[in-house]
Amino acid sequence: MAARKILMITGDFTEDYETMVPFQTLLAVGHDVDAVCPDKKAGDTVATAIHDFEGDQTYSEKPGHRFALTADFEAINAADYDALVIPGGRAPEYLRLNGAVIAMVRHFFEADKPVAAICHGAQILAAAGVLSGRTCSAYPACAPEVKLAGGSYADIAVTDAVTDGNLVTAPAWPAHPAWLSQFMALLA
């Protein structure tokens, strides 16, 4: 597989595993990954949160690690990247309000480049208006947003992922093997 240049858009209280695991995995297989966050520069960090499924009505949240960003958000040109990764967690709640984030996401869809989104990352996709006519999985609480954005919500097992064209989505971090495998197939 040829090395690709991949952009990861993240932010404070992104889900720890959904940020760290794809970032490290994509680096390990030879890709160049730039992790960015609005209003932050390379070397700055974002707080992560660990979301777990412990039998309650929704996930629990615990403090995660500090994740170091690798590039300056304001210096990013989406056209320079081959693919996009959108982790979940609570960060998408506010990232979807940032016009530059929305423009970057739209670029990847307009250019038909691979996009991998997991968990609450679907909130950004919905806000960008790129889900119409597409099948998308996400954390179940995001199903209404997927549907309101014109997408078809894929109610799949928490360990599964779904690919629709250039888009790979999954409900949460237990799907990493399926999600990353399908995303890497698009990168090949």
C-alpha atoms as a PDB file:
ATOM      1  CA  MET A   1       0.000   0.000   0.000  1.00  0.00           C
ATOM      2  CA  ALA A   2       1.371   3.406  -0.970  1.00  0.00           C
ATOM      3  CA  ALA A   3       1.836   5.874   1.857  1.00  0.00           C
ATOM      4  CA  ARG A   4      -0.962   8.434   2.067  1.00  0.00           C
ATOM      5  CA  LYS A   5      -1.162  11.826   3.685  1.00  0.00           C
ATOM      6  CA  ILE A   6      -4.051  11.723   6.163  1.00  0.00           C
ATOM      7  CA  LEU A   7      -5.729  14.542   8.085  1.00  0.00           C
ATOM      8  CA  MET A   8      -7.283  13.894  11.509  1.00  0.00           C
ATOM      9  CA  ILE A   9      -9.551  16.613  12.903  1.00  0.00           C
ATOM     10  CA  THR A  10      -9.803  16.377  16.668  1.00  0.00           C
ATOM     11  CA  GLY A  11     -10.501  18.537  19.690  1.00  0.00           C
ATOM     12  CA  ASP A  12     -10.827  18.628  23.452  1.00  0.00           C
ATOM     13  CA  PHE A  13     -12.733  15.673  24.881  1.00  0.00           C
ATOM     14  CA  THR A  14     -12.418  13.603  21.771  1.00  0.00           C
ATOM     15  CA  GLU A  15     -12.679   9.921  22.676  1.00  0.00           C
ATOM     16  CA  ASP A  16      -9.206   8.705  23.696  1.00  0.00           C
ATOM     17  CA  TYR A  17      -9.219   5.332  21.900  1.00  0.00           C
ATOM     18  CA  GLU A  18     -10.907   6.762  18.802  1.00  0.00           C
ATOM     19  CA  THR A  19      -8.087   9.291  18.509  1.00  0.00           C
ATOM     20  CA  MET A  20      -4.989   7.418  19.682  1.00  0.00           C
ATOM     21  CA  VAL A  21      -5.603   4.031  18.047  1.00  0.00           C
ATOM     22  CA  PRO A  22      -6.263   5.197  14.464  1.00  0.00           C
ATOM     23  CA  PHE A  23      -3.499   7.822  14.694  1.00  0.00           C
ATOM     24  CA  GLN A  24      -0.918   5.264  15.842  1.00  0.00           C
ATOM     25  CA  THR A  25      -2.172   2.490  13.545  1.00  0.00           C
ATOM     26  CA  LEU A  26      -2.035   4.639  10.436  1.00  0.00           C
ATOM     27  CA  LEU A  27       1.486   5.793  11.345  1.00  0.00           C
ATOM     28  CA  ALA A  28       2.549   2.193  12.002  1.00  0.00           C
ATOM     29  CA  VAL A  29       1.563   1.095   8.499  1.00  0.00           C
ATOM     30  CA  GLY A  30       3.508   3.961   6.908  1.00  0.00           C
ATOM     31  CA  HIS A  31       1.028   6.789   6.427  1.00  0.00           C
ATOM     32  CA  ASP A  32       1.764  10.432   7.254  1.00  0.00           C
ATOM     33  CA  VAL A  33      -0.918  11.648   9.687  1.00  0.00           C
ATOM     34  CA  ASP A  34      -1.472  15.268  10.703  1.00  0.00           C
ATOM     35  CA  ALA A  35      -3.689  15.739  13.762  1.00  0.00           C
ATOM     36  CA  VAL A  36      -5.185  19.218  14.059  1.00  0.00           C
ATOM     37  CA  CYS A  37      -7.647  21.173  16.200  1.00  0.00           C
ATOM     38  CA  PRO A  38      -9.132  24.622  15.580  1.00  0.00           C
ATOM     39  CA  ASP A  39      -7.304  27.412  17.411  1.00  0.00           C
ATOM     40  CA  LYS A  40      -4.345  25.142  18.225  1.00  0.00           C
ATOM     41  CA  LYS A  41      -0.874  24.591  16.817  1.00  0.00           C
ATOM     42  CA  ALA A  42       1.538  21.682  16.416  1.00  0.00           C
ATOM     43  CA  GLY A  43       2.756  20.585  19.841  1.00  0.00           C
ATOM     44  CA  ASP A  44      -0.373  21.819  21.636  1.00  0.00           C
ATOM     45  CA  THR A  45      -2.452  19.107  23.255  1.00  0.00           C
ATOM     46  CA  VAL A  46      -6.123  18.272  23.541  1.00  0.00           C
ATOM     47  CA  ALA A  47      -7.755  16.515  26.470  1.00  0.00           C
ATOM     48  CA  THR A  48      -9.233  13.133  25.661  1.00  0.00           C
ATOM     49  CA  ALA A  49     -11.922  11.170  27.460  1.00  0.00           C
ATOM     50  CA  ILE A  50     -12.356   7.428  27.807  1.00  0.00           C
ATOM     51  CA  HIS A  51     -15.894   6.343  27.064  1.00  0.00           C
ATOM     52  CA  ASP A  52     -16.855   2.891  28.249  1.00  0.00           C
ATOM     53  CA  PHE A  53     -19.927   0.696  28.105  1.00  0.00           C
ATOM     54  CA  GLU A  54     -20.658  -0.549  31.623  1.00  0.00           C
ATOM     55  CA  GLY A  55     -24.328  -1.496  31.449  1.00  0.00           C
ATOM     56  CA  ASP A  56     -25.754   1.966  32.089  1.00  0.00           C
ATOM     57  CA  GLN A  57     -28.201   3.726  29.777  1.00  0.00           C
ATOM     58  CA  THR A  58     -25.300   5.475  28.058  1.00  0.00           C
ATOM     59  CA  TYR A  59     -21.519   5.362  28.149  1.00  0.00           C
ATOM     60  CA  SER A  60     -19.488   6.440  31.175  1.00  0.00           C
ATOM     61  CA  GLU A  61     -16.744   9.038  30.833  1.00  0.00           C
ATOM     62  CA  LYS A  62     -13.332   9.087  32.491  1.00  0.00           C
ATOM     63  CA  PRO A  63     -10.317  11.350  31.918  1.00  0.00           C
ATOM     64  CA  GLY A  64      -8.058  10.163  29.124  1.00  0.00           C
ATOM     65  CA  HIS A  65      -4.590  11.152  27.985  1.00  0.00           C
ATOM     66  CA  ARG A  66      -3.301  14.418  26.576  1.00  0.00           C
ATOM     67  CA  PHE A  67      -3.020  13.999  22.799  1.00  0.00           C
ATOM     68  CA  ALA A  68      -0.324  16.053  21.052  1.00  0.00           C
ATOM     69  CA  LEU A  69      -1.293  17.745  17.802  1.00  0.00           C
ATOM     70  CA  THR A  70       1.123  17.461  14.890  1.00  0.00           C
ATOM     71  CA  ALA A  71       0.184  20.433  12.689  1.00  0.00           C
ATOM     72  CA  ASP A  72      -1.253  23.949  12.890  1.00  0.00           C
ATOM     73  CA  PHE A  73      -4.972  23.998  12.080  1.00  0.00           C
ATOM     74  CA  GLU A  74      -4.810  27.401  10.367  1.00  0.00           C
ATOM     75  CA  ALA A  75      -2.009  26.211   8.053  1.00  0.00           C
ATOM     76  CA  ILE A  76      -3.899  23.142   6.793  1.00  0.00           C
ATOM     77  CA  ASN A  77      -5.013  22.936   3.177  1.00  0.00           C
ATOM     78  CA  ALA A  78      -7.398  19.992   2.807  1.00  0.00           C
ATOM     79  CA  ALA A  79      -6.388  19.635  -0.865  1.00  0.00           C
ATOM     80  CA  ASP A  80      -2.934  18.510   0.313  1.00  0.00           C
ATOM     81  CA  TYR A  81      -4.405  15.376   1.968  1.00  0.00           C
ATOM     82  CA  ASP A  82      -5.491  12.032   0.573  1.00  0.00           C
ATOM     83  CA  ALA A  83      -7.935  11.077   3.338  1.00  0.00           C
ATOM     84  CA  LEU A  84      -9.706  12.291   6.485  1.00  0.00           C
ATOM     85  CA  VAL A  85     -10.288  10.742   9.931  1.00  0.00           C
ATOM     86  CA  ILE A  86     -12.947  12.094  12.315  1.00  0.00           C
ATOM     87  CA  PRO A  87     -12.817  10.618  15.835  1.00  0.00           C
ATOM     88  CA  GLY A  88     -15.847  10.669  18.108  1.00  0.00           C
ATOM     89  CA  GLY A  89     -16.349  11.674  21.699  1.00  0.00           C
ATOM     90  CA  ARG A  90     -17.735  15.047  22.723  1.00  0.00           C
ATOM     91  CA  ALA A  91     -15.428  17.101  20.467  1.00  0.00           C
ATOM     92  CA  PRO A  92     -17.750  16.810  17.426  1.00  0.00           C
ATOM     93  CA  GLU A  93     -20.425  18.744  19.367  1.00  0.00           C
ATOM     94  CA  TYR A  94     -18.402  21.938  19.023  1.00  0.00           C
ATOM     95  CA  LEU A  95     -16.230  21.095  15.993  1.00  0.00           C
ATOM     96  CA  ARG A  96     -19.396  20.967  13.862  1.00  0.00           C
ATOM     97  CA  LEU A  97     -19.916  24.673  14.638  1.00  0.00           C
ATOM     98  CA  ASN A  98     -16.588  25.651  13.059  1.00  0.00           C
ATOM     99  CA  GLY A  99     -16.956  26.800   9.445  1.00  0.00           C
ATOM    100  CA  ALA A 100     -13.378  25.846   8.542  1.00  0.00           C
ATOM    101  CA  VAL A 101     -13.927  22.280   9.816  1.00  0.00           C
ATOM    102  CA  ILE A 102     -17.133  22.014   7.786  1.00  0.00           C
ATOM    103  CA  ALA A 103     -15.360  23.305   4.653  1.00  0.00           C
ATOM    104  CA  MET A 104     -12.568  20.750   5.113  1.00  0.00           C
ATOM    105  CA  VAL A 105     -15.039  17.892   5.473  1.00  0.00           C
ATOM    106  CA  ARG A 106     -16.948  18.992   2.387  1.00  0.00           C
ATOM    107  CA  HIS A 107     -13.700  19.090   0.392  1.00  0.00           C
ATOM    108  CA  PHE A 108     -13.066  15.380   1.039  1.00  0.00           C
ATOM    109  CA  PHE A 109     -16.543  14.457  -0.160  1.00  0.00           C
ATOM    110  CA  GLU A 110     -16.462  16.745  -3.193  1.00  0.00           C
ATOM    111  CA  ALA A 111     -13.077  15.254  -4.173  1.00  0.00           C
ATOM    112  CA  ASP A 112     -14.293  11.693  -3.401  1.00  0.00           C
ATOM    113  CA  LYS A 113     -11.390  11.066  -1.002  1.00  0.00           C
ATOM    114  CA  PRO A 114     -11.612   8.409   1.736  1.00  0.00           C
ATOM    115  CA  VAL A 115     -13.247   9.533   4.997  1.00  0.00           C
ATOM    116  CA  ALA A 116     -13.390   7.510   8.225  1.00  0.00           C
ATOM    117  CA  ALA A 117     -15.735   8.715  10.993  1.00  0.00           C
ATOM    118  CA  ILE A 118     -16.584   6.921  14.211  1.00  0.00           C
ATOM    119  CA  CYS A 119     -19.064   7.367  17.051  1.00  0.00           C
ATOM    120  CA  HIS A 120     -20.159  11.018  17.399  1.00  0.00           C
ATOM    121  CA  GLY A 121     -18.073  11.965  14.328  1.00  0.00           C
ATOM    122  CA  ALA A 122     -21.350  11.630  12.421  1.00  0.00           C
ATOM    123  CA  GLN A 123     -22.408  14.936  14.015  1.00  0.00           C
ATOM    124  CA  ILE A 124     -19.767  16.692  11.917  1.00  0.00           C
ATOM    125  CA  LEU A 125     -20.827  14.811   8.785  1.00  0.00           C
ATOM    126  CA  ALA A 126     -24.461  15.786   9.385  1.00  0.00           C
ATOM    127  CA  ALA A 127     -23.533  19.441   9.914  1.00  0.00           C
ATOM    128  CA  ALA A 128     -21.463  19.395   6.712  1.00  0.00           C
ATOM    129  CA  GLY A 129     -24.478  18.174   4.748  1.00  0.00           C
ATOM    130  CA  VAL A 130     -22.649  15.178   3.270  1.00  0.00           C
ATOM    131  CA  LEU A 131     -24.902  12.320   4.452  1.00  0.00           C
ATOM    132  CA  SER A 132     -27.837  12.661   2.042  1.00  0.00           C
ATOM    133  CA  GLY A 133     -28.430   9.300   0.371  1.00  0.00           C
ATOM    134  CA  ARG A 134     -25.578   7.628   2.278  1.00  0.00           C
ATOM    135  CA  THR A 135     -25.500   4.808   4.791  1.00  0.00           C
ATOM    136  CA  CYS A 136     -23.759   5.863   7.998  1.00  0.00           C
ATOM    137  CA  SER A 137     -23.194   4.196  11.345  1.00  0.00           C
ATOM    138  CA  ALA A 138     -22.542   6.131  14.529  1.00  0.00           C
ATOM    139  CA  TYR A 139     -23.097   5.972  18.236  1.00  0.00           C
ATOM    140  CA  PRO A 140     -26.843   5.163  18.508  1.00  0.00           C
ATOM    141  CA  ALA A 141     -27.633   8.545  20.090  1.00  0.00           C
ATOM    142  CA  CYS A 142     -26.556  10.139  16.784  1.00  0.00           C
ATOM    143  CA  ALA A 143     -29.070   8.147  14.702  1.00  0.00           C
ATOM    144  CA  PRO A 144     -31.585  11.030  14.615  1.00  0.00           C
ATOM    145  CA  GLU A 145     -28.927  13.407  13.266  1.00  0.00           C
ATOM    146  CA  VAL A 146     -27.924  10.950  10.547  1.00  0.00           C
ATOM    147  CA  LYS A 147     -31.570  10.563   9.511  1.00  0.00           C
ATOM    148  CA  LEU A 148     -32.338  14.297   9.677  1.00  0.00           C
ATOM    149  CA  ALA A 149     -29.315  14.899   7.419  1.00  0.00           C
ATOM    150  CA  GLY A 150     -30.857  12.585   4.813  1.00  0.00           C
ATOM    151  CA  GLY A 151     -28.715   9.558   5.583  1.00  0.00           C
ATOM    152  CA  SER A 152     -29.690   5.987   6.301  1.00  0.00           C
ATOM    153  CA  TYR A 153     -28.583   5.048   9.821  1.00  0.00           C
ATOM    154  CA  ALA A 154     -26.814   1.666   9.911  1.00  0.00           C
ATOM    155  CA  ASP A 155     -27.818   0.009  13.189  1.00  0.00           C
ATOM    156  CA  ILE A 156     -24.947  -2.478  13.345  1.00  0.00           C
ATOM    157  CA  ALA A 157     -23.096  -4.290  16.121  1.00  0.00           C
ATOM    158  CA  VAL A 158     -20.675  -2.169  18.121  1.00  0.00           C
ATOM    159  CA  THR A 159     -17.843  -4.265  16.638  1.00  0.00           C
ATOM    160  CA  ASP A 160     -18.850  -3.691  13.003  1.00  0.00           C
ATOM    161  CA  ALA A 161     -18.279  -0.951  10.439  1.00  0.00           C
ATOM    162  CA  VAL A 162     -19.948  -0.015   7.171  1.00  0.00           C
ATOM    163  CA  THR A 163     -18.505   1.398   3.943  1.00  0.00           C
ATOM    164  CA  ASP A 164     -20.601   3.501   1.562  1.00  0.00           C
ATOM    165  CA  GLY A 165     -18.510   4.770  -1.337  1.00  0.00           C
ATOM    166  CA  ASN A 166     -15.642   6.807   0.117  1.00  0.00           C
ATOM    167  CA  LEU A 167     -17.129   6.819   3.654  1.00  0.00           C
ATOM    168  CA  VAL A 168     -16.334   4.293   6.397  1.00  0.00           C
ATOM    169  CA  THR A 169     -18.248   4.618   9.683  1.00  0.00           C
ATOM    170  CA  ALA A 170     -18.613   2.671  12.903  1.00  0.00           C
ATOM    171  CA  PRO A 171     -20.569   3.006  16.170  1.00  0.00           C
ATOM    172  CA  ALA A 172     -17.664   3.162  18.649  1.00  0.00           C
ATOM    173  CA  TRP A 173     -14.100   2.104  19.449  1.00  0.00           C
ATOM    174  CA  PRO A 174     -14.849  -1.650  19.783  1.00  0.00           C
ATOM    175  CA  ALA A 175     -15.185  -1.546  15.971  1.00  0.00           C
ATOM    176  CA  HIS A 176     -11.571  -0.479  15.402  1.00  0.00           C
ATOM    177  CA  PRO A 177     -10.529  -3.726  13.645  1.00  0.00           C
ATOM    178  CA  ALA A 178     -13.415  -3.571  11.144  1.00  0.00           C
ATOM    179  CA  TRP A 179     -13.369   0.240  10.797  1.00  0.00           C
ATOM    180  CA  LEU A 180      -9.624   0.562  10.239  1.00  0.00           C
ATOM    181  CA  SER A 181      -9.531  -2.477   7.938  1.00  0.00           C
ATOM    182  CA  GLN A 182     -12.254  -1.004   5.723  1.00  0.00           C
ATOM    183  CA  PHE A 183     -10.625   2.433   5.768  1.00  0.00           C
ATOM    184  CA  MET A 184      -7.223   0.993   4.815  1.00  0.00           C
ATOM    185  CA  ALA A 185      -8.882  -0.872   1.934  1.00  0.00           C
ATOM    186  CA  LEU A 186     -10.021   2.524   0.606  1.00  0.00           C
ATOM    187  CA  LEU A 187      -6.499   3.890   1.023  1.00  0.00           C
ATOM    188  CA  ALA A 188      -4.948   1.040  -1.007  1.00  0.00           C
END
